PDB file of N, CA and C in Angstrom:
ATOM      1  N   MET A   1      90.434 120.298 101.277  1.00  0.00           N
ATOM      2  CA  MET A   1      89.576 119.139 100.574  1.00  0.00           C
ATOM      3  C   MET A   1      89.918 118.413  99.186  1.00  0.00           C
ATOM      4  N   ALA A   2      90.249 117.449  99.058  1.00  0.00           N
ATOM      5  CA  ALA A   2      90.501 116.615  97.708  1.00  0.00           C
ATOM      6  C   ALA A   2      89.361 116.034  96.542  1.00  0.00           C
ATOM      7  N   HIS A   3      89.571 116.163  95.544  1.00  0.00           N
ATOM      8  CA  HIS A   3      89.085 115.319  94.869  1.00  0.00           C
ATOM      9  C   HIS A   3      89.829 113.881  94.607  1.00  0.00           C
ATOM     10  N   ILE A   4      89.206 112.826  94.719  1.00  0.00           N
ATOM     11  CA  ILE A   4      89.521 111.443  94.561  1.00  0.00           C
ATOM     12  C   ILE A   4      88.543 110.557  93.322  1.00  0.00           C
ATOM     13  N   ILE A   5      89.583 109.857  92.637  1.00  0.00           N
ATOM     14  CA  ILE A   5      88.870 108.734  91.844  1.00  0.00           C
ATOM     15  C   ILE A   5      89.217 107.639  92.628  1.00  0.00           C
ATOM     16  N   ILE A   6      88.121 106.704  92.824  1.00  0.00           N
ATOM     17  CA  ILE A   6      88.541 105.270  93.165  1.00  0.00           C
ATOM     18  C   ILE A   6      87.802 104.304  91.822  1.00  0.00           C
ATOM     19  N   ALA A   7      88.721 103.117  91.300  1.00  0.00           N
ATOM     20  CA  ALA A   7      88.375 102.542  90.490  1.00  0.00           C
ATOM     21  C   ALA A   7      88.281 100.802  90.826  1.00  0.00           C
ATOM     22  N   ASP A   8      87.124 100.389  91.207  1.00  0.00           N
ATOM     23  CA  ASP A   8      87.015  99.111  91.892  1.00  0.00           C
ATOM     24  C   ASP A   8      86.047  98.642  91.531  1.00  0.00           C
ATOM     25  N   ASP A   9      85.736  97.584  91.153  1.00  0.00           N
ATOM     26  CA  ASP A   9      84.118  96.552  90.762  1.00  0.00           C
ATOM     27  C   ASP A   9      83.544  96.090  92.379  1.00  0.00           C
ATOM     28  N   ASP A  10      84.340  96.347  93.340  1.00  0.00           N
ATOM     29  CA  ASP A  10      83.291  95.788  94.254  1.00  0.00           C
ATOM     30  C   ASP A  10      82.910  96.906  95.342  1.00  0.00           C
ATOM     31  N   GLU A  11      81.441  96.770  94.929  1.00  0.00           N
ATOM     32  CA  GLU A  11      81.064  98.115  95.343  1.00  0.00           C
ATOM     33  C   GLU A  11      80.965  97.800  96.921  1.00  0.00           C
ATOM     34  N   ILE A  12      80.891  96.795  97.544  1.00  0.00           N
ATOM     35  CA  ILE A  12      81.249  97.125  99.022  1.00  0.00           C
ATOM     36  C   ILE A  12      82.812  97.820  99.348  1.00  0.00           C
ATOM     37  N   VAL A  13      83.689  97.582  98.994  1.00  0.00           N
ATOM     38  CA  VAL A  13      84.688  98.465  99.049  1.00  0.00           C
ATOM     39  C   VAL A  13      84.861 100.018  98.946  1.00  0.00           C
ATOM     40  N   THR A  14      84.105  99.873  97.374  1.00  0.00           N
ATOM     41  CA  THR A  14      84.039 101.428  97.262  1.00  0.00           C
ATOM     42  C   THR A  14      82.840 102.650  98.278  1.00  0.00           C
ATOM     43  N   ASP A  15      81.939 101.527  98.737  1.00  0.00           N
ATOM     44  CA  ASP A  15      81.105 102.407  99.749  1.00  0.00           C
ATOM     45  C   ASP A  15      82.155 102.548 100.582  1.00  0.00           C
ATOM     46  N   ILE A  16      82.548 101.415 101.178  1.00  0.00           N
ATOM     47  CA  ILE A  16      83.566 101.819 102.514  1.00  0.00           C
ATOM     48  C   ILE A  16      84.556 102.962 102.355  1.00  0.00           C
ATOM     49  N   VAL A  17      85.418 102.679 101.154  1.00  0.00           N
ATOM     50  CA  VAL A  17      86.392 103.918 100.651  1.00  0.00           C
ATOM     51  C   VAL A  17      85.384 105.456 100.627  1.00  0.00           C
ATOM     52  N   SER A  18      84.550 104.941 100.241  1.00  0.00           N
ATOM     53  CA  SER A  18      83.467 106.472  99.675  1.00  0.00           C
ATOM     54  C   SER A  18      83.261 107.102 101.306  1.00  0.00           C
ATOM     55  N   GLU A  19      82.604 106.542 101.955  1.00  0.00           N
ATOM     56  CA  GLU A  19      82.482 106.659 103.333  1.00  0.00           C
ATOM     57  C   GLU A  19      83.638 107.523 104.063  1.00  0.00           C
ATOM     58  N   ALA A  20      84.562 106.818 103.890  1.00  0.00           N
ATOM     59  CA  ALA A  20      86.034 107.648 105.002  1.00  0.00           C
ATOM     60  C   ALA A  20      86.151 108.743 104.293  1.00  0.00           C
ATOM     61  N   PHE A  21      86.868 108.658 103.074  1.00  0.00           N
ATOM     62  CA  PHE A  21      86.997 110.124 102.475  1.00  0.00           C
ATOM     63  C   PHE A  21      85.649 111.435 102.893  1.00  0.00           C
ATOM     64  N   ARG A  22      84.328 111.083 102.296  1.00  0.00           N
ATOM     65  CA  ARG A  22      83.938 111.747 102.507  1.00  0.00           C
ATOM     66  C   ARG A  22      83.800 112.338 104.273  1.00  0.00           C
ATOM     67  N   SER A  23      84.191 111.140 105.158  1.00  0.00           N
ATOM     68  CA  SER A  23      83.754 111.788 106.494  1.00  0.00           C
ATOM     69  C   SER A  23      85.660 112.777 106.821  1.00  0.00           C
ATOM     70  N   TYR A  24      85.939 112.656 105.877  1.00  0.00           N
ATOM     71  CA  TYR A  24      87.392 113.448 106.489  1.00  0.00           C
ATOM     72  C   TYR A  24      87.349 114.865 105.649  1.00  0.00           C
ATOM     73  N   GLY A  25      85.869 114.953 104.808  1.00  0.00           N
ATOM     74  CA  GLY A  25      85.916 116.283 103.753  1.00  0.00           C
ATOM     75  C   GLY A  25      86.254 115.964 102.387  1.00  0.00           C
ATOM     76  N   HIS A  26      86.668 115.009 101.864  1.00  0.00           N
ATOM     77  CA  HIS A  26      87.062 114.870 100.626  1.00  0.00           C
ATOM     78  C   HIS A  26      85.669 114.471  99.757  1.00  0.00           C
ATOM     79  N   SER A  27      85.958 114.641  98.286  1.00  0.00           N
ATOM     80  CA  SER A  27      84.900 114.417  97.408  1.00  0.00           C
ATOM     81  C   SER A  27      85.732 112.862  96.644  1.00  0.00           C
ATOM     82  N   ILE A  28      84.982 112.349  96.309  1.00  0.00           N
ATOM     83  CA  ILE A  28      84.981 110.958  95.714  1.00  0.00           C
ATOM     84  C   ILE A  28      84.251 110.336  94.698  1.00  0.00           C
ATOM     85  N   GLY A  29      84.675 110.084  93.572  1.00  0.00           N
ATOM     86  CA  GLY A  29      84.167 109.967  92.310  1.00  0.00           C
ATOM     87  C   GLY A  29      84.638 108.358  92.090  1.00  0.00           C
ATOM     88  N   VAL A  30      83.633 107.539  91.958  1.00  0.00           N
ATOM     89  CA  VAL A  30      83.595 105.940  91.526  1.00  0.00           C
ATOM     90  C   VAL A  30      83.741 105.246  90.352  1.00  0.00           C
ATOM     91  N   VAL A  31      84.327 104.663  90.128  1.00  0.00           N
ATOM     92  CA  VAL A  31      84.186 103.671  88.673  1.00  0.00           C
ATOM     93  C   VAL A  31      84.454 102.524  88.819  1.00  0.00           C
ATOM     94  N   GLY A  32      84.169 101.482  87.917  1.00  0.00           N
ATOM     95  CA  GLY A  32      84.143 100.443  88.015  1.00  0.00           C
ATOM     96  C   GLY A  32      85.128  99.752  87.233  1.00  0.00           C
ATOM     97  N   ASN A  33      86.201 100.307  86.290  1.00  0.00           N
ATOM     98  CA  ASN A  33      87.427  99.747  86.129  1.00  0.00           C
ATOM     99  C   ASN A  33      88.041 101.080  85.782  1.00  0.00           C
ATOM    100  N   GLY A  34      89.380 100.241  84.958  1.00  0.00           N
ATOM    101  CA  GLY A  34      90.633 101.245  84.553  1.00  0.00           C
ATOM    102  C   GLY A  34      89.824 102.100  83.401  1.00  0.00           C
ATOM    103  N   ALA A  35      89.257 101.997  82.653  1.00  0.00           N
ATOM    104  CA  ALA A  35      89.069 102.387  80.835  1.00  0.00           C
ATOM    105  C   ALA A  35      87.964 103.565  81.582  1.00  0.00           C
ATOM    106  N   ASP A  36      87.669 103.675  82.576  1.00  0.00           N
ATOM    107  CA  ASP A  36      86.034 104.305  83.090  1.00  0.00           C
ATOM    108  C   ASP A  36      87.554 105.550  83.860  1.00  0.00           C
ATOM    109  N   ALA A  37      88.261 104.867  85.036  1.00  0.00           N
ATOM    110  CA  ALA A  37      88.882 105.479  85.366  1.00  0.00           C
ATOM    111  C   ALA A  37      89.933 107.196  84.552  1.00  0.00           C
ATOM    112  N   LEU A  38      90.341 106.601  83.439  1.00  0.00           N
ATOM    113  CA  LEU A  38      91.171 107.268  82.543  1.00  0.00           C
ATOM    114  C   LEU A  38      90.174 108.634  82.331  1.00  0.00           C
ATOM    115  N   ASP A  39      88.924 107.612  81.786  1.00  0.00           N
ATOM    116  CA  ASP A  39      87.578 108.685  81.214  1.00  0.00           C
ATOM    117  C   ASP A  39      87.467 110.038  82.196  1.00  0.00           C
ATOM    118  N   ALA A  40      87.593 109.270  83.497  1.00  0.00           N
ATOM    119  CA  ALA A  40      87.089 109.816  84.731  1.00  0.00           C
ATOM    120  C   ALA A  40      88.230 111.475  84.628  1.00  0.00           C
ATOM    121  N   ILE A  41      89.623 110.694  84.671  1.00  0.00           N
ATOM    122  CA  ILE A  41      90.656 111.802  84.930  1.00  0.00           C
ATOM    123  C   ILE A  41      90.777 112.776  83.799  1.00  0.00           C
ATOM    124  N   SER A  42      90.023 112.304  82.524  1.00  0.00           N
ATOM    125  CA  SER A  42      90.296 113.073  81.588  1.00  0.00           C
ATOM    126  C   SER A  42      89.125 114.324  81.604  1.00  0.00           C
ATOM    127  N   ALA A  43      88.122 114.075  82.318  1.00  0.00           N
ATOM    128  CA  ALA A  43      86.934 114.678  82.812  1.00  0.00           C
ATOM    129  C   ALA A  43      87.089 116.140  83.567  1.00  0.00           C
ATOM    130  N   LYS A  44      87.831 114.980  84.811  1.00  0.00           N
ATOM    131  CA  LYS A  44      88.133 116.277  85.698  1.00  0.00           C
ATOM    132  C   LYS A  44      89.458 116.094  86.414  1.00  0.00           C
ATOM    133  N   SER A  45      91.087 116.320  86.429  1.00  0.00           N
ATOM    134  CA  SER A  45      91.830 115.776  86.829  1.00  0.00           C
ATOM    135  C   SER A  45      91.738 116.106  88.304  1.00  0.00           C
ATOM    136  N   PRO A  46      92.089 114.754  89.305  1.00  0.00           N
ATOM    137  CA  PRO A  46      91.614 114.601  90.117  1.00  0.00           C
ATOM    138  C   PRO A  46      93.229 114.806  91.115  1.00  0.00           C
ATOM    139  N   ASP A  47      92.807 115.125  92.449  1.00  0.00           N
ATOM    140  CA  ASP A  47      94.525 114.958  93.328  1.00  0.00           C
ATOM    141  C   ASP A  47      94.600 113.863  93.387  1.00  0.00           C
ATOM    142  N   LEU A  48      93.944 112.528  93.439  1.00  0.00           N
ATOM    143  CA  LEU A  48      94.030 111.494  93.658  1.00  0.00           C
ATOM    144  C   LEU A  48      93.483 110.149  93.203  1.00  0.00           C
ATOM    145  N   VAL A  49      94.167 109.323  92.073  1.00  0.00           N
ATOM    146  CA  VAL A  49      93.312 107.858  91.684  1.00  0.00           C
ATOM    147  C   VAL A  49      93.652 106.976  92.715  1.00  0.00           C
ATOM    148  N   ILE A  50      92.818 106.198  92.991  1.00  0.00           N
ATOM    149  CA  ILE A  50      93.050 104.866  93.829  1.00  0.00           C
ATOM    150  C   ILE A  50      92.527 103.573  92.865  1.00  0.00           C
ATOM    151  N   LEU A  51      93.392 102.911  92.571  1.00  0.00           N
ATOM    152  CA  LEU A  51      93.195 101.905  91.419  1.00  0.00           C
ATOM    153  C   LEU A  51      93.331 100.220  92.078  1.00  0.00           C
ATOM    154  N   ASP A  52      92.317  99.300  91.984  1.00  0.00           N
ATOM    155  CA  ASP A  52      92.577  97.857  92.351  1.00  0.00           C
ATOM    156  C   ASP A  52      93.140  97.115  91.326  1.00  0.00           C
ATOM    157  N   CYS A  53      93.921  96.408  91.333  1.00  0.00           N
ATOM    158  CA  CYS A  53      94.470  95.947  90.229  1.00  0.00           C
ATOM    159  C   CYS A  53      93.584  95.110  89.571  1.00  0.00           C
ATOM    160  N   ASN A  54      92.832  94.211  89.901  1.00  0.00           N
ATOM    161  CA  ASN A  54      91.530  92.979  89.024  1.00  0.00           C
ATOM    162  C   ASN A  54      90.846  93.705  89.063  1.00  0.00           C
ATOM    163  N   MET A  55      90.277  94.219  88.000  1.00  0.00           N
ATOM    164  CA  MET A  55      88.961  94.806  87.184  1.00  0.00           C
ATOM    165  C   MET A  55      88.667  94.435  85.814  1.00  0.00           C
ATOM    166  N   PRO A  56      87.275  94.016  85.739  1.00  0.00           N
ATOM    167  CA  PRO A  56      87.391  94.177  83.783  1.00  0.00           C
ATOM    168  C   PRO A  56      87.517  95.030  83.278  1.00  0.00           C
ATOM    169  N   LYS A  57      87.493  94.702  81.936  1.00  0.00           N
ATOM    170  CA  LYS A  57      87.888  96.010  80.714  1.00  0.00           C
ATOM    171  C   LYS A  57      89.402  96.428  81.151  1.00  0.00           C
ATOM    172  N   MET A  58      89.641  96.951  81.877  1.00  0.00           N
ATOM    173  CA  MET A  58      91.041  97.478  82.127  1.00  0.00           C
ATOM    174  C   MET A  58      91.718  97.336  83.389  1.00  0.00           C
ATOM    175  N   GLY A  59      92.807  96.223  83.817  1.00  0.00           N
ATOM    176  CA  GLY A  59      93.174  96.414  85.439  1.00  0.00           C
ATOM    177  C   GLY A  59      93.761  97.545  85.722  1.00  0.00           C
ATOM    178  N   GLY A  60      94.280  97.893  86.974  1.00  0.00           N
ATOM    179  CA  GLY A  60      94.550  98.687  87.334  1.00  0.00           C
ATOM    180  C   GLY A  60      96.054  98.649  87.301  1.00  0.00           C
ATOM    181  N   LEU A  61      96.877  97.929  86.988  1.00  0.00           N
ATOM    182  CA  LEU A  61      97.865  97.944  86.257  1.00  0.00           C
ATOM    183  C   LEU A  61      98.280  98.471  85.134  1.00  0.00           C
ATOM    184  N   SER A  62      97.410  97.857  84.191  1.00  0.00           N
ATOM    185  CA  SER A  62      97.301  98.887  82.611  1.00  0.00           C
ATOM    186  C   SER A  62      96.653  99.859  82.957  1.00  0.00           C
ATOM    187  N   ALA A  63      95.948 100.364  83.751  1.00  0.00           N
ATOM    188  CA  ALA A  63      95.270 102.050  83.904  1.00  0.00           C
ATOM    189  C   ALA A  63      96.746 102.690  84.173  1.00  0.00           C
ATOM    190  N   LEU A  64      97.221 102.417  85.256  1.00  0.00           N
ATOM    191  CA  LEU A  64      98.668 103.002  86.047  1.00  0.00           C
ATOM    192  C   LEU A  64      99.623 103.053  84.731  1.00  0.00           C
ATOM    193  N   ARG A  65      99.723 102.019  84.128  1.00  0.00           N
ATOM    194  CA  ARG A  65     100.804 102.408  83.153  1.00  0.00           C
ATOM    195  C   ARG A  65     100.242 103.405  81.877  1.00  0.00           C
ATOM    196  N   ALA A  66      98.556 103.777  82.048  1.00  0.00           N
ATOM    197  CA  ALA A  66      98.396 104.438  80.708  1.00  0.00           C
ATOM    198  C   ALA A  66      98.496 105.801  81.608  1.00  0.00           C
ATOM    199  N   ILE A  67      98.621 106.093  82.283  1.00  0.00           N
ATOM    200  CA  ILE A  67      98.386 107.280  83.266  1.00  0.00           C
ATOM    201  C   ILE A  67     100.030 107.755  83.263  1.00  0.00           C
ATOM    202  N   ARG A  68     100.291 106.865  83.841  1.00  0.00           N
ATOM    203  CA  ARG A  68     102.190 107.474  83.926  1.00  0.00           C
ATOM    204  C   ARG A  68     102.738 107.428  82.420  1.00  0.00           C
ATOM    205  N   THR A  69     102.272 107.010  81.320  1.00  0.00           N
ATOM    206  CA  THR A  69     102.871 107.404  80.196  1.00  0.00           C
ATOM    207  C   THR A  69     102.061 108.703  79.394  1.00  0.00           C
ATOM    208  N   HIS A  70     100.858 109.224  79.801  1.00  0.00           N
ATOM    209  CA  HIS A  70     100.005 110.292  79.446  1.00  0.00           C
ATOM    210  C   HIS A  70     100.420 111.162  79.564  1.00  0.00           C
ATOM    211  N   PRO A  71     100.780 112.095  78.930  1.00  0.00           N
ATOM    212  CA  PRO A  71     101.382 113.567  78.466  1.00  0.00           C
ATOM    213  C   PRO A  71     101.090 114.324  79.609  1.00  0.00           C
ATOM    214  N   THR A  72      99.480 114.038  79.828  1.00  0.00           N
ATOM    215  CA  THR A  72      99.295 115.233  80.540  1.00  0.00           C
ATOM    216  C   THR A  72      98.971 114.531  82.374  1.00  0.00           C
ATOM    217  N   PHE A  73      98.736 113.642  82.199  1.00  0.00           N
ATOM    218  CA  PHE A  73      98.279 113.011  83.421  1.00  0.00           C
ATOM    219  C   PHE A  73      99.272 112.539  84.380  1.00  0.00           C
ATOM    220  N   TYR A  74     100.836 112.323  83.627  1.00  0.00           N
ATOM    221  CA  TYR A  74     101.690 111.374  84.571  1.00  0.00           C
ATOM    222  C   TYR A  74     101.970 111.753  85.589  1.00  0.00           C
ATOM    223  N   ARG A  75     101.704 112.965  86.190  1.00  0.00           N
ATOM    224  CA  ARG A  75     101.862 113.256  87.591  1.00  0.00           C
ATOM    225  C   ARG A  75     100.796 113.349  88.539  1.00  0.00           C
ATOM    226  N   VAL A  76      99.731 112.569  88.128  1.00  0.00           N
ATOM    227  CA  VAL A  76      98.914 112.507  88.815  1.00  0.00           C
ATOM    228  C   VAL A  76      98.814 111.373  90.428  1.00  0.00           C
ATOM    229  N   PRO A  77      98.869 111.806  91.632  1.00  0.00           N
ATOM    230  CA  PRO A  77      99.370 110.489  92.274  1.00  0.00           C
ATOM    231  C   PRO A  77      98.340 109.658  92.335  1.00  0.00           C
ATOM    232  N   ILE A  78      99.185 108.294  92.458  1.00  0.00           N
ATOM    233  CA  ILE A  78      98.333 106.906  92.506  1.00  0.00           C
ATOM    234  C   ILE A  78      98.752 105.979  93.532  1.00  0.00           C
ATOM    235  N   MET A  79      97.568 105.632  94.059  1.00  0.00           N
ATOM    236  CA  MET A  79      97.389 104.317  94.775  1.00  0.00           C
ATOM    237  C   MET A  79      96.847 103.168  94.615  1.00  0.00           C
ATOM    238  N   MET A  80      97.320 101.969  95.129  1.00  0.00           N
ATOM    239  CA  MET A  80      97.044 100.672  94.585  1.00  0.00           C
ATOM    240  C   MET A  80      96.389 100.356  95.955  1.00  0.00           C
ATOM    241  N   LEU A  81      94.769  99.963  96.158  1.00  0.00           N
ATOM    242  CA  LEU A  81      94.194  99.521  96.850  1.00  0.00           C
ATOM    243  C   LEU A  81      93.420  97.712  96.365  1.00  0.00           C
ATOM    244  N   THR A  82      94.137  96.767  96.740  1.00  0.00           N
ATOM    245  CA  THR A  82      94.076  95.733  96.078  1.00  0.00           C
ATOM    246  C   THR A  82      94.273  94.828  96.992  1.00  0.00           C
ATOM    247  N   GLY A  83      93.270  93.179  96.645  1.00  0.00           N
ATOM    248  CA  GLY A  83      93.748  92.328  97.395  1.00  0.00           C
ATOM    249  C   GLY A  83      94.814  91.308  96.645  1.00  0.00           C
ATOM    250  N   ASN A  84      95.809  91.690  96.077  1.00  0.00           N
ATOM    251  CA  ASN A  84      96.697  90.872  95.296  1.00  0.00           C
ATOM    252  C   ASN A  84      98.099  91.213  96.502  1.00  0.00           C
ATOM    253  N   THR A  85      97.967  90.406  97.270  1.00  0.00           N
ATOM    254  CA  THR A  85      98.958  90.545  98.196  1.00  0.00           C
ATOM    255  C   THR A  85     100.636  90.072  98.226  1.00  0.00           C
ATOM    256  N   SER A  86     101.070  89.328  97.010  1.00  0.00           N
ATOM    257  CA  SER A  86     102.453  89.349  97.111  1.00  0.00           C
ATOM    258  C   SER A  86     103.191  90.527  97.046  1.00  0.00           C
ATOM    259  N   SER A  87     104.877  90.226  97.129  1.00  0.00           N
ATOM    260  CA  SER A  87     105.360  91.493  97.416  1.00  0.00           C
ATOM    261  C   SER A  87     105.789  91.476  95.970  1.00  0.00           C
ATOM    262  N   MET A  88     105.680  90.524  94.382  1.00  0.00           N
ATOM    263  CA  MET A  88     106.242  90.711  93.109  1.00  0.00           C
ATOM    264  C   MET A  88     104.838  91.957  92.437  1.00  0.00           C
ATOM    265  N   ASP A  89     103.728  91.333  93.031  1.00  0.00           N
ATOM    266  CA  ASP A  89     102.470  92.457  92.728  1.00  0.00           C
ATOM    267  C   ASP A  89     102.649  93.783  93.273  1.00  0.00           C
ATOM    268  N   GLN A  90     103.188  94.079  94.214  1.00  0.00           N
ATOM    269  CA  GLN A  90     104.060  95.138  94.583  1.00  0.00           C
ATOM    270  C   GLN A  90     104.979  95.821  94.302  1.00  0.00           C
ATOM    271  N   ASP A  91     105.771  94.941  93.988  1.00  0.00           N
ATOM    272  CA  ASP A  91     106.915  95.734  93.571  1.00  0.00           C
ATOM    273  C   ASP A  91     106.909  95.805  92.330  1.00  0.00           C
ATOM    274  N   ILE A  92     105.902  95.890  91.024  1.00  0.00           N
ATOM    275  CA  ILE A  92     105.535  95.896  89.875  1.00  0.00           C
ATOM    276  C   ILE A  92     104.504  97.471  90.058  1.00  0.00           C
ATOM    277  N   ALA A  93     104.027  97.285  90.735  1.00  0.00           N
ATOM    278  CA  ALA A  93     103.211  98.304  90.776  1.00  0.00           C
ATOM    279  C   ALA A  93     104.066  99.840  91.186  1.00  0.00           C
ATOM    280  N   ILE A  94     104.546  99.299  92.136  1.00  0.00           N
ATOM    281  CA  ILE A  94     105.754 100.376  92.718  1.00  0.00           C
ATOM    282  C   ILE A  94     106.676 100.812  91.653  1.00  0.00           C
ATOM    283  N   TYR A  95     107.433  99.647  90.834  1.00  0.00           N
ATOM    284  CA  TYR A  95     108.130 100.079  89.255  1.00  0.00           C
ATOM    285  C   TYR A  95     107.185 100.982  88.514  1.00  0.00           C
ATOM    286  N   THR A  96     105.940 100.303  88.487  1.00  0.00           N
ATOM    287  CA  THR A  96     105.308 100.872  87.203  1.00  0.00           C
ATOM    288  C   THR A  96     104.897 102.418  87.370  1.00  0.00           C
ATOM    289  N   GLY A  97     104.421 103.293  88.904  1.00  0.00           N
ATOM    290  CA  GLY A  97     104.880 104.117  89.478  1.00  0.00           C
ATOM    291  C   GLY A  97     103.687 104.489  90.618  1.00  0.00           C
ATOM    292  N   ALA A  98     102.967 103.211  90.288  1.00  0.00           N
ATOM    293  CA  ALA A  98     102.135 103.681  91.890  1.00  0.00           C
ATOM    294  C   ALA A  98     102.852 104.329  93.416  1.00  0.00           C
ATOM    295  N   ASP A  99     102.214 105.258  93.956  1.00  0.00           N
ATOM    296  CA  ASP A  99     102.827 106.071  94.964  1.00  0.00           C
ATOM    297  C   ASP A  99     102.749 105.262  96.635  1.00  0.00           C
ATOM    298  N   ALA A 100     101.800 104.024  96.414  1.00  0.00           N
ATOM    299  CA  ALA A 100     101.794 103.484  97.354  1.00  0.00           C
ATOM    300  C   ALA A 100     100.742 102.245  96.939  1.00  0.00           C
ATOM    301  N   TYR A 101     101.061 101.212  97.783  1.00  0.00           N
ATOM    302  CA  TYR A 101     100.203  99.810  97.811  1.00  0.00           C
ATOM    303  C   TYR A 101      99.477  99.297  98.909  1.00  0.00           C
ATOM    304  N   ILE A 102      98.529  99.146  99.016  1.00  0.00           N
ATOM    305  CA  ILE A 102      97.736  98.717  99.923  1.00  0.00           C
ATOM    306  C   ILE A 102      96.978  97.935 100.085  1.00  0.00           C
ATOM    307  N   THR A 103      97.255  96.458 100.983  1.00  0.00           N
ATOM    308  CA  THR A 103      96.133  95.571 100.519  1.00  0.00           C
ATOM    309  C   THR A 103      95.050  95.283 101.424  1.00  0.00           C
ATOM    310  N   LYS A 104      93.792  94.682 100.443  1.00  0.00           N
ATOM    311  CA  LYS A 104      92.603  94.133 101.350  1.00  0.00           C
ATOM    312  C   LYS A 104      92.837  93.307 102.248  1.00  0.00           C
ATOM    313  N   PRO A 105      92.002  92.959 103.091  1.00  0.00           N
ATOM    314  CA  PRO A 105      91.527  94.024 104.356  1.00  0.00           C
ATOM    315  C   PRO A 105      92.196  94.973 104.394  1.00  0.00           C
ATOM    316  N   PHE A 106      91.764  96.398 104.540  1.00  0.00           N
ATOM    317  CA  PHE A 106      92.217  97.657 105.178  1.00  0.00           C
ATOM    318  C   PHE A 106      91.525  98.443 106.232  1.00  0.00           C
ATOM    319  N   ASP A 107      92.185  98.914 106.618  1.00  0.00           N
ATOM    320  CA  ASP A 107      91.875  99.999 107.821  1.00  0.00           C
ATOM    321  C   ASP A 107      91.308 101.122 107.345  1.00  0.00           C
ATOM    322  N   PRO A 108      90.495 101.764 107.064  1.00  0.00           N
ATOM    323  CA  PRO A 108      90.200 102.885 106.269  1.00  0.00           C
ATOM    324  C   PRO A 108      90.384 104.455 106.719  1.00  0.00           C
ATOM    325  N   ASP A 109      90.589 105.044 108.021  1.00  0.00           N
ATOM    326  CA  ASP A 109      91.393 105.521 108.494  1.00  0.00           C
ATOM    327  C   ASP A 109      92.941 105.833 107.758  1.00  0.00           C
ATOM    328  N   TYR A 110      93.574 104.563 108.085  1.00  0.00           N
ATOM    329  CA  TYR A 110      94.990 104.442 107.524  1.00  0.00           C
ATOM    330  C   TYR A 110      94.882 104.972 106.016  1.00  0.00           C
ATOM    331  N   LEU A 111      93.860 104.498 105.381  1.00  0.00           N
ATOM    332  CA  LEU A 111      94.209 104.653 103.796  1.00  0.00           C
ATOM    333  C   LEU A 111      94.034 106.146 103.777  1.00  0.00           C
ATOM    334  N   VAL A 112      93.133 106.658 104.251  1.00  0.00           N
ATOM    335  CA  VAL A 112      92.873 108.449 104.149  1.00  0.00           C
ATOM    336  C   VAL A 112      94.147 108.769 104.814  1.00  0.00           C
ATOM    337  N   PHE A 113      94.545 108.409 105.739  1.00  0.00           N
ATOM    338  CA  PHE A 113      96.131 108.981 105.994  1.00  0.00           C
ATOM    339  C   PHE A 113      96.766 109.217 105.109  1.00  0.00           C
ATOM    340  N   GLU A 114      97.430 107.976 104.444  1.00  0.00           N
ATOM    341  CA  GLU A 114      98.418 107.667 103.485  1.00  0.00           C
ATOM    342  C   GLU A 114      97.546 108.906 102.447  1.00  0.00           C
ATOM    343  N   ALA A 115      96.880 108.930 102.127  1.00  0.00           N
ATOM    344  CA  ALA A 115      95.989 109.414 100.661  1.00  0.00           C
ATOM    345  C   ALA A 115      96.588 110.945 100.990  1.00  0.00           C
ATOM    346  N   GLU A 116      96.580 111.620 102.271  1.00  0.00           N
ATOM    347  CA  GLU A 116      96.172 112.783 102.667  1.00  0.00           C
ATOM    348  C   GLU A 116      98.391 113.051 102.573  1.00  0.00           C
ATOM    349  N   ASP A 117      98.880 112.089 102.993  1.00  0.00           N
ATOM    350  CA  ASP A 117      99.651 111.892 102.636  1.00  0.00           C
ATOM    351  C   ASP A 117     100.587 112.054 101.400  1.00  0.00           C
ATOM    352  N   ILE A 118     100.390 111.449 100.611  1.00  0.00           N
ATOM    353  CA  ILE A 118     100.611 111.378  99.093  1.00  0.00           C
ATOM    354  C   ILE A 118     100.340 113.121  98.258  1.00  0.00           C
ATOM    355  N   ILE A 119      98.856 113.449  98.433  1.00  0.00           N
ATOM    356  CA  ILE A 119      98.798 114.062  98.348  1.00  0.00           C
ATOM    357  C   ILE A 119      99.467 115.215  98.447  1.00  0.00           C
ATOM    358  N   ALA A 120      99.251 115.860  99.837  1.00  0.00           N
ATOM    359  CA  ALA A 120     100.244 116.745 100.321  1.00  0.00           C
ATOM    360  C   ALA A 120     101.937 117.073  99.747  1.00  0.00           C
ATOM    361  N   LYS A 121     102.470 115.658  99.651  1.00  0.00           N
ATOM    362  CA  LYS A 121     103.886 115.685  98.657  1.00  0.00           C
ATOM    363  C   LYS A 121     103.826 115.984  97.428  1.00  0.00           C
ATOM    364  N   TYR A 122     102.782 115.915  96.838  1.00  0.00           N
ATOM    365  CA  TYR A 122     102.671 116.498  95.475  1.00  0.00           C
ATOM    366  C   TYR A 122     102.511 117.674  95.526  1.00  0.00           C
ATOM    367  N   GLN A 123     101.702 118.481  96.529  1.00  0.00           N
ATOM    368  CA  GLN A 123     101.269 119.665  96.175  1.00  0.00           C
ATOM    369  C   GLN A 123     102.209 120.371  96.441  1.00  0.00           C
ATOM    370  N   LYS A 124     102.970 120.206  97.803  1.00  0.00           N
ATOM    371  CA  LYS A 124     104.435 120.671  97.871  1.00  0.00           C
ATOM    372  C   LYS A 124     105.131 120.756  96.690  1.00  0.00           C
ATOM    373  N   ALA A 125     105.471 119.864  95.790  1.00  0.00           N
ATOM    374  CA  ALA A 125     106.081 120.041  94.832  1.00  0.00           C
ATOM    375  C   ALA A 125     106.225 120.737  93.360  1.00  0.00           C
ATOM    376  N   ALA A 126     104.961 120.736  93.689  1.00  0.00           N
ATOM    377  CA  ALA A 126     104.669 121.676  92.595  1.00  0.00           C
ATOM    378  C   ALA A 126     104.700 123.217  92.537  1.00  0.00           C
TER     379      ALA A 126
END
C-alpha cells in the first residue's frame, strides 16, 4: 500500500482519482493547490505526488520545482495529471523533473498502473 497525495482543485477529478487508488488498496490525501501539497509532503512524506498544472495559489509546475529543489523531498516521485495537452507543456514538466505526464481525460486504471510502476522504480532504486 502506498501513500499518495493529489493536488488538484477539481473535486470531480480528485474523487475519481481517490476512488481508483483506494480500490487498489492505496491511501490518498487530497489538497487543492501546490502550496498545500508542499505542506502535506512536509507533514508526511508520500510515496507519490500527483499534481495538476493549473491550480490557484501555486500551480503544479511551481510545486514541482519546489519539490525538486528541496533538500529533503527532491526524490519524491511526481506525476503530472493535467488538462494541458501541448507537447511543450509536457516537455517542460518532464525537464523540470516529473516522472510521468498524463492528460485529462484519463483512464483511472491506467493512472494507477503508471503510478504503481513509478513507485516500484523508486523503491527499487532506494
